[in-house]
Protein backbone atom coordinates (compact mmCIF):
# COMPACT_ATOMS: atom_id res chain seq x y z
CA MET A 1 34.40 27.56 35.86
CA ASN A 2 33.77 26.67 32.27
CA ARG A 3 36.55 24.67 30.73
CA LYS A 4 37.78 26.31 27.52
CA VAL A 5 37.88 24.31 24.30
CA ILE A 6 41.11 25.11 22.46
CA LEU A 7 42.21 24.19 18.99
CA TYR A 8 46.01 23.86 19.09
CA ILE A 9 47.34 22.86 15.66
CA SER A 10 49.92 23.58 12.97
CA GLN A 11 49.30 24.49 9.37
CA SER A 12 51.26 25.33 6.28
CA LEU A 13 51.24 28.93 5.05
CA ASP A 14 48.60 27.91 2.49
CA GLY A 15 46.33 26.30 5.16
CA PHE A 16 47.09 22.59 5.08
CA ILE A 17 47.58 20.40 8.19
CA ALA A 18 48.99 17.43 6.26
CA ASP A 19 50.60 17.01 2.82
CA SER A 20 48.86 15.18 -0.06
CA LYS A 21 50.02 11.82 1.39
CA GLY A 22 48.86 12.64 4.92
CA GLY A 23 52.41 13.36 6.13
CA VAL A 24 53.37 15.95 8.66
CA ASP A 25 57.19 15.68 8.43
CA TRP A 26 57.28 19.18 6.94
CA ILE A 27 56.29 20.70 10.35
CA SER A 28 59.52 22.27 11.51
CA GLY A 29 61.10 25.67 11.83
CA ASN A 30 63.98 27.32 9.98
CA ASP A 31 66.74 25.69 12.04
CA LYS A 32 66.38 21.88 12.04
CA GLU A 33 68.58 21.62 15.17
CA TYR A 34 66.35 24.00 17.17
CA VAL A 35 65.33 22.53 20.54
CA GLY A 36 62.47 24.83 21.64
CA ASP A 37 58.95 23.48 22.11
CA TYR A 38 57.00 26.34 20.43
CA GLY A 39 54.99 26.91 23.62
CA TYR A 40 53.79 23.33 23.92
CA GLU A 41 54.73 22.90 27.59
CA ASN A 42 52.99 26.15 28.62
CA PHE A 43 49.97 25.12 26.61
CA THR A 44 49.71 21.64 28.16
CA ASN A 45 50.04 23.06 31.68
CA ASP A 46 46.43 24.27 31.33
CA ILE A 47 45.09 21.17 29.57
CA ASP A 48 43.99 17.81 31.01
CA THR A 49 41.89 16.47 28.16
CA VAL A 50 42.65 15.90 24.47
CA ILE A 51 40.15 15.00 21.78
CA LEU A 52 41.32 13.38 18.52
CA GLY A 53 39.71 11.95 15.43
CA TYR A 54 40.50 8.35 14.57
CA ASN A 55 42.85 9.20 11.67
CA THR A 56 44.98 11.49 13.88
CA TYR A 57 45.03 8.81 16.58
CA SER A 58 46.07 6.18 14.01
CA GLN A 59 48.87 8.36 12.65
CA ILE A 60 50.21 8.93 16.15
CA ILE A 61 50.24 5.25 17.19
CA ASN A 62 51.42 3.92 13.81
CA GLU A 63 53.89 6.52 12.59
CA LEU A 64 54.73 9.35 15.02
CA SER A 65 55.01 7.49 18.34
CA PRO A 66 54.31 3.75 17.98
CA ASP A 67 56.09 2.77 21.23
CA LYS A 68 54.49 5.22 23.65
CA TRP A 69 51.19 7.10 23.86
CA VAL A 70 52.29 10.70 23.58
CA TYR A 71 49.41 12.08 25.71
CA GLU A 72 49.71 9.64 28.65
CA ASN A 73 49.25 12.45 31.20
CA LEU A 74 46.01 13.60 29.59
CA ASN A 75 42.51 12.16 29.42
CA SER A 76 42.30 11.18 25.77
CA TYR A 77 39.11 10.80 23.78
CA VAL A 78 39.24 9.30 20.30
CA LEU A 79 36.12 9.81 18.18
CA THR A 80 35.52 6.64 16.19
CA SER A 81 32.78 4.29 15.11
CA LYS A 82 35.24 1.38 15.49
CA LYS A 83 34.74 -0.92 18.47
CA ILE A 84 37.98 -0.49 20.42
CA LYS A 85 38.45 -1.37 24.08
CA ASP A 86 39.25 1.64 26.28
CA THR A 87 42.66 1.84 28.01
CA PRO A 88 43.34 3.66 31.25
CA ASN A 89 44.37 6.76 29.24
CA ILE A 90 42.19 6.51 26.10
CA LYS A 91 38.45 6.40 25.74
CA TYR A 92 37.09 5.43 22.31
CA VAL A 93 33.77 7.14 21.81
CA ASN A 94 31.14 7.12 19.11
CA VAL A 95 29.21 10.27 20.02
CA ASN A 96 28.44 13.67 18.53
CA ILE A 97 31.32 16.05 19.32
CA LYS A 98 28.94 18.62 20.77
CA GLU A 99 27.54 16.01 23.19
CA LEU A 100 31.03 15.02 24.28
CA ILE A 101 32.21 18.59 24.81
CA ASP A 102 29.02 19.52 26.67
CA ARG A 103 29.54 16.54 29.00
CA LEU A 104 33.22 17.30 29.52
CA GLN A 105 32.50 20.94 30.27
CA GLN A 106 30.11 19.85 33.08
CA GLU A 107 33.01 18.01 34.72
CA SER A 108 35.65 19.78 36.75
CA GLY A 109 39.06 20.01 35.19
CA LYS A 110 41.40 22.03 33.08
CA ASN A 111 40.92 23.12 29.44
CA ILE A 112 40.10 20.76 26.59
CA TRP A 113 42.35 20.40 23.55
CA ILE A 114 41.00 19.71 20.07
CA CYS A 115 44.06 18.04 18.54
CA GLY A 116 42.81 17.12 15.06
CA GLY A 117 42.23 16.08 12.39
CA ALA A 118 40.47 18.33 9.96
CA ASN A 119 37.16 16.46 10.06
CA LEU A 120 36.96 16.87 13.88
CA VAL A 121 38.10 20.49 13.69
CA ASN A 122 35.44 21.31 11.11
CA GLN A 123 32.69 19.57 13.16
CA CYS A 124 33.70 21.82 16.09
CA VAL A 125 33.79 24.94 13.87
CA LYS A 126 30.30 24.18 12.49
CA GLU A 127 28.93 23.81 16.03
CA ASP A 128 30.96 26.91 17.18
CA LEU A 129 32.48 24.84 20.04
CA ILE A 130 36.00 26.30 19.97
CA ASP A 131 36.73 29.09 22.43
CA GLU A 132 40.32 29.70 21.43
CA TYR A 133 42.32 29.00 18.25
CA GLN A 134 46.06 28.53 18.74
CA ILE A 135 47.39 28.07 15.22
CA THR A 136 51.03 27.76 14.40
CA THR A 137 51.88 28.64 10.77
CA VAL A 138 54.83 26.78 9.32
CA PRO A 139 56.90 28.59 6.68
CA ILE A 140 56.09 26.26 3.80
CA ILE A 141 53.59 26.32 0.93
CA LEU A 142 52.51 22.72 0.28
CA GLY A 143 50.23 23.45 -2.69
CA SER A 144 47.88 20.59 -1.79
CA GLY A 145 46.96 18.32 1.05
CA LEU A 146 44.47 18.18 3.87
CA ARG A 147 43.04 21.67 4.42
CA LEU A 148 42.51 22.81 7.99
CA PHE A 149 39.24 24.64 7.47
CA GLU A 150 36.59 23.62 4.93
CA GLU A 151 33.82 25.84 3.61
CA ASN A 152 31.43 26.86 6.39
CA LYS A 153 28.00 28.48 6.03
CA LYS A 154 28.61 30.95 8.85
CA SER A 155 31.32 33.30 10.03
CA ILE A 156 32.91 33.17 13.40
CA LYS A 157 34.35 36.50 14.56
CA LEU A 158 37.69 36.17 16.41
CA LYS A 159 39.92 38.57 18.26
CA LEU A 160 43.72 38.30 18.07
CA LYS A 161 45.07 37.81 21.60
CA GLU A 162 48.75 37.17 20.87
CA THR A 163 51.24 36.52 18.08
CA LYS A 164 54.77 35.31 18.55
CA GLU A 165 57.56 33.93 16.39
CA GLU A 166 59.72 30.99 17.30
CA ASN A 167 62.34 29.57 14.90
CA GLY A 168 60.45 30.98 11.93
CA LEU A 169 57.07 29.65 12.93
CA ILE A 170 54.29 32.14 13.73
CA ILE A 171 52.10 31.23 16.65
CA SER A 172 48.77 33.12 16.59
CA ILE A 173 46.23 32.94 19.38
CA TYR A 174 42.67 34.02 18.69
CA ALA A 175 39.60 34.06 20.96
CA LYS A 176 35.96 34.34 20.07
CA SER A 177 34.90 38.00 20.12
């Protein structure tokens, strides 16, 4: 069985994944007290591997969850040229994303999550490595920031599999046609 590569990410209505200062505190639904998980638990039931770029990793450990690695139950790969010693949960790798995904797809396991950031996502898009795009659109127009998709020289045809709304957020799931 081929492990699917899934982009699971949030964006603003105008296509940004972070504001102009790199912040993501705007990612929330209409009701600030809402306790749903926007499908996260169901998503992670079919995932055992997460791939992150260094900037996303750094934001998680320094701002979002400095006391605990949020993906401790997943095999984590951080793409970086920095020399960092691996931990039991995190492998720091300096390889081409296509090589890493090809290797991981040869191993047995569940699906592979492309977590972010934009540079990693766009490397995957350029190589056409993503099998499924699960994009949650947050009801906010940021006006500027870090854009999810950059200009690409080729089109990738997708088919809408599912759309759902949860607390004002729109979750859209697309698969390659």
